[in-house]
C-alpha atoms as a PDB file:
ATOM      1  CA  MET A   1       3.497 -21.535 -54.899  1.00  0.00           C
ATOM      2  CA  GLY A   2       6.354 -19.296 -53.813  1.00  0.00           C
ATOM      3  CA  LEU A   3       8.108 -16.751 -55.978  1.00  0.00           C
ATOM      4  CA  ILE A   4      10.285 -13.664 -55.714  1.00  0.00           C
ATOM      5  CA  GLY A   5       8.654 -10.371 -56.589  1.00  0.00           C
ATOM      6  CA  ALA A   6       7.732  -6.864 -55.560  1.00  0.00           C
ATOM      7  CA  LYS A   7       7.285  -6.081 -51.872  1.00  0.00           C
ATOM      8  CA  GLU A   8       3.860  -4.445 -52.256  1.00  0.00           C
ATOM      9  CA  GLY A   9       0.735  -5.358 -54.193  1.00  0.00           C
ATOM     10  CA  ALA A  10      -0.316  -3.667 -57.440  1.00  0.00           C
ATOM     11  CA  ASP A  11      -2.449  -1.192 -55.487  1.00  0.00           C
ATOM     12  CA  GLN A  12       0.801   0.508 -54.335  1.00  0.00           C
ATOM     13  CA  PRO A  13       3.456   2.376 -56.369  1.00  0.00           C
ATOM     14  CA  CYS A  14       6.146  -0.066 -57.586  1.00  0.00           C
ATOM     15  CA  GLY A  15       3.908  -2.977 -56.533  1.00  0.00           C
ATOM     16  CA  GLU A  16       2.870  -6.095 -58.431  1.00  0.00           C
ATOM     17  CA  ASP A  17       0.212  -8.786 -58.093  1.00  0.00           C
ATOM     18  CA  TYR A  18       0.742 -12.360 -59.289  1.00  0.00           C
ATOM     19  CA  VAL A  19      -1.935 -14.579 -60.825  1.00  0.00           C
ATOM     20  CA  ALA A  20      -1.120 -18.263 -61.365  1.00  0.00           C
ATOM     21  CA  GLU A  21      -2.695 -20.653 -63.855  1.00  0.00           C
ATOM     22  CA  ALA A  22      -1.945 -24.362 -64.267  1.00  0.00           C
ATOM     23  CA  VAL A  23      -1.677 -26.246 -67.547  1.00  0.00           C
ATOM     24  CA  GLU A  24      -2.034 -29.947 -66.762  1.00  0.00           C
ATOM     25  CA  SER A  25      -1.306 -33.216 -68.546  1.00  0.00           C
ATOM     26  CA  ASP A  26      -1.154 -36.822 -67.337  1.00  0.00           C
ATOM     27  CA  ASN A  27       2.629 -36.478 -66.788  1.00  0.00           C
ATOM     28  CA  ALA A  28       3.250 -32.892 -65.732  1.00  0.00           C
ATOM     29  CA  VAL A  29       1.869 -29.580 -64.523  1.00  0.00           C
ATOM     30  CA  ALA A  30       3.193 -26.264 -65.827  1.00  0.00           C
ATOM     31  CA  VAL A  31       2.377 -23.177 -63.791  1.00  0.00           C
ATOM     32  CA  LEU A  32       2.127 -19.875 -65.624  1.00  0.00           C
ATOM     33  CA  VAL A  33       2.409 -16.722 -63.521  1.00  0.00           C
ATOM     34  CA  GLN A  34       1.087 -13.444 -64.885  1.00  0.00           C
ATOM     35  CA  VAL A  35       2.416 -10.221 -63.372  1.00  0.00           C
ATOM     36  CA  ARG A  36       0.083  -7.283 -62.911  1.00  0.00           C
ATOM     37  CA  ARG A  37       2.055  -4.109 -62.161  1.00  0.00           C
ATOM     38  CA  TYR A  38       0.934  -0.927 -60.473  1.00  0.00           C
ATOM     39  CA  ILE A  39      -0.162   1.592 -63.055  1.00  0.00           C
ATOM     40  CA  GLY A  40      -0.262   5.143 -61.788  1.00  0.00           C
ATOM     41  CA  PRO A  41      -1.877   8.277 -63.121  1.00  0.00           C
ATOM     42  CA  GLY A  42      -1.268   8.515 -66.845  1.00  0.00           C
ATOM     43  CA  ASN A  43      -1.029   4.689 -67.118  1.00  0.00           C
ATOM     44  CA  GLU A  44       2.694   4.628 -66.368  1.00  0.00           C
ATOM     45  CA  VAL A  45       4.851   2.530 -64.064  1.00  0.00           C
ATOM     46  CA  PRO A  46       6.576   4.947 -61.643  1.00  0.00           C
ATOM     47  CA  PRO A  47      10.283   5.559 -62.322  1.00  0.00           C
ATOM     48  CA  GLY A  48      12.848   4.634 -59.676  1.00  0.00           C
ATOM     49  CA  CYS A  49      11.277   1.417 -58.404  1.00  0.00           C
ATOM     50  CA  LEU A  50      13.838  -0.777 -56.630  1.00  0.00           C
ATOM     51  CA  LEU A  51      14.387  -4.191 -58.172  1.00  0.00           C
ATOM     52  CA  VAL A  52      14.784  -5.940 -54.813  1.00  0.00           C
ATOM     53  CA  GLY A  53      13.094  -9.335 -54.604  1.00  0.00           C
ATOM     54  CA  HIS A  54      10.712 -10.216 -51.807  1.00  0.00           C
ATOM     55  CA  PRO A  55       9.054 -13.562 -51.028  1.00  0.00           C
ATOM     56  CA  ARG A  56       5.537 -13.641 -52.472  1.00  0.00           C
ATOM     57  CA  THR A  57       3.008 -16.365 -53.184  1.00  0.00           C
ATOM     58  CA  ALA A  58       0.467 -17.164 -55.867  1.00  0.00           C
ATOM     59  CA  THR A  59      -2.258 -19.775 -55.500  1.00  0.00           C
ATOM     60  CA  VAL A  60      -3.228 -22.199 -58.220  1.00  0.00           C
ATOM     61  CA  THR A  61      -5.947 -24.866 -58.044  1.00  0.00           C
ATOM     62  CA  LEU A  62      -5.312 -28.117 -59.890  1.00  0.00           C
ATOM     63  CA  ALA A  63      -8.049 -30.154 -61.564  1.00  0.00           C
ATOM     64  CA  GLN A  64      -6.599 -33.264 -59.889  1.00  0.00           C
ATOM     65  CA  PRO A  65      -3.855 -34.009 -57.316  1.00  0.00           C
ATOM     66  CA  LEU A  66      -0.235 -34.111 -58.508  1.00  0.00           C
ATOM     67  CA  ASN A  67       0.017 -37.895 -57.906  1.00  0.00           C
ATOM     68  CA  GLY A  68       3.677 -37.979 -58.949  1.00  0.00           C
ATOM     69  CA  ARG A  69       3.365 -35.609 -61.911  1.00  0.00           C
ATOM     70  CA  ALA A  70       6.324 -33.276 -62.441  1.00  0.00           C
ATOM     71  CA  VAL A  71       5.898 -29.551 -61.915  1.00  0.00           C
ATOM     72  CA  LEU A  72       7.680 -27.660 -64.683  1.00  0.00           C
ATOM     73  CA  GLU A  73       9.166 -24.179 -64.859  1.00  0.00           C
ATOM     74  CA  VAL A  74       7.621 -22.725 -68.004  1.00  0.00           C
ATOM     75  CA  GLN A  75      10.483 -20.761 -69.617  1.00  0.00           C
ATOM     76  CA  GLN A  76      13.091 -23.554 -69.516  1.00  0.00           C
ATOM     77  CA  GLY A  77      10.750 -26.553 -69.190  1.00  0.00           C
ATOM     78  CA  GLN A  78      12.803 -27.824 -66.245  1.00  0.00           C
ATOM     79  CA  PRO A  79      11.302 -29.604 -63.211  1.00  0.00           C
ATOM     80  CA  VAL A  80      11.013 -27.583 -60.000  1.00  0.00           C
ATOM     81  CA  PRO A  81      11.034 -28.988 -56.471  1.00  0.00           C
ATOM     82  CA  THR A  82       7.688 -29.475 -54.726  1.00  0.00           C
ATOM     83  CA  ARG A  83       6.847 -30.056 -51.107  1.00  0.00           C
END
């Protein structure tokens, strides 16, 4: 799945990694994305990180094919386009 996030991975200052998990029912699939941020020395996120979005991806494996089920955005519960 595509999303907008940090340019670099969590192994770099100001970076983030994205881990996706699917919650499935007979009618819909909701994808939850957890953000794992870079934590520097002293367990702090560096100050001054730019909040500029970059295209990123996260992979999720479904227990069964979509077969017409809706894919829902978790916070609003709204359907999202699929391709």
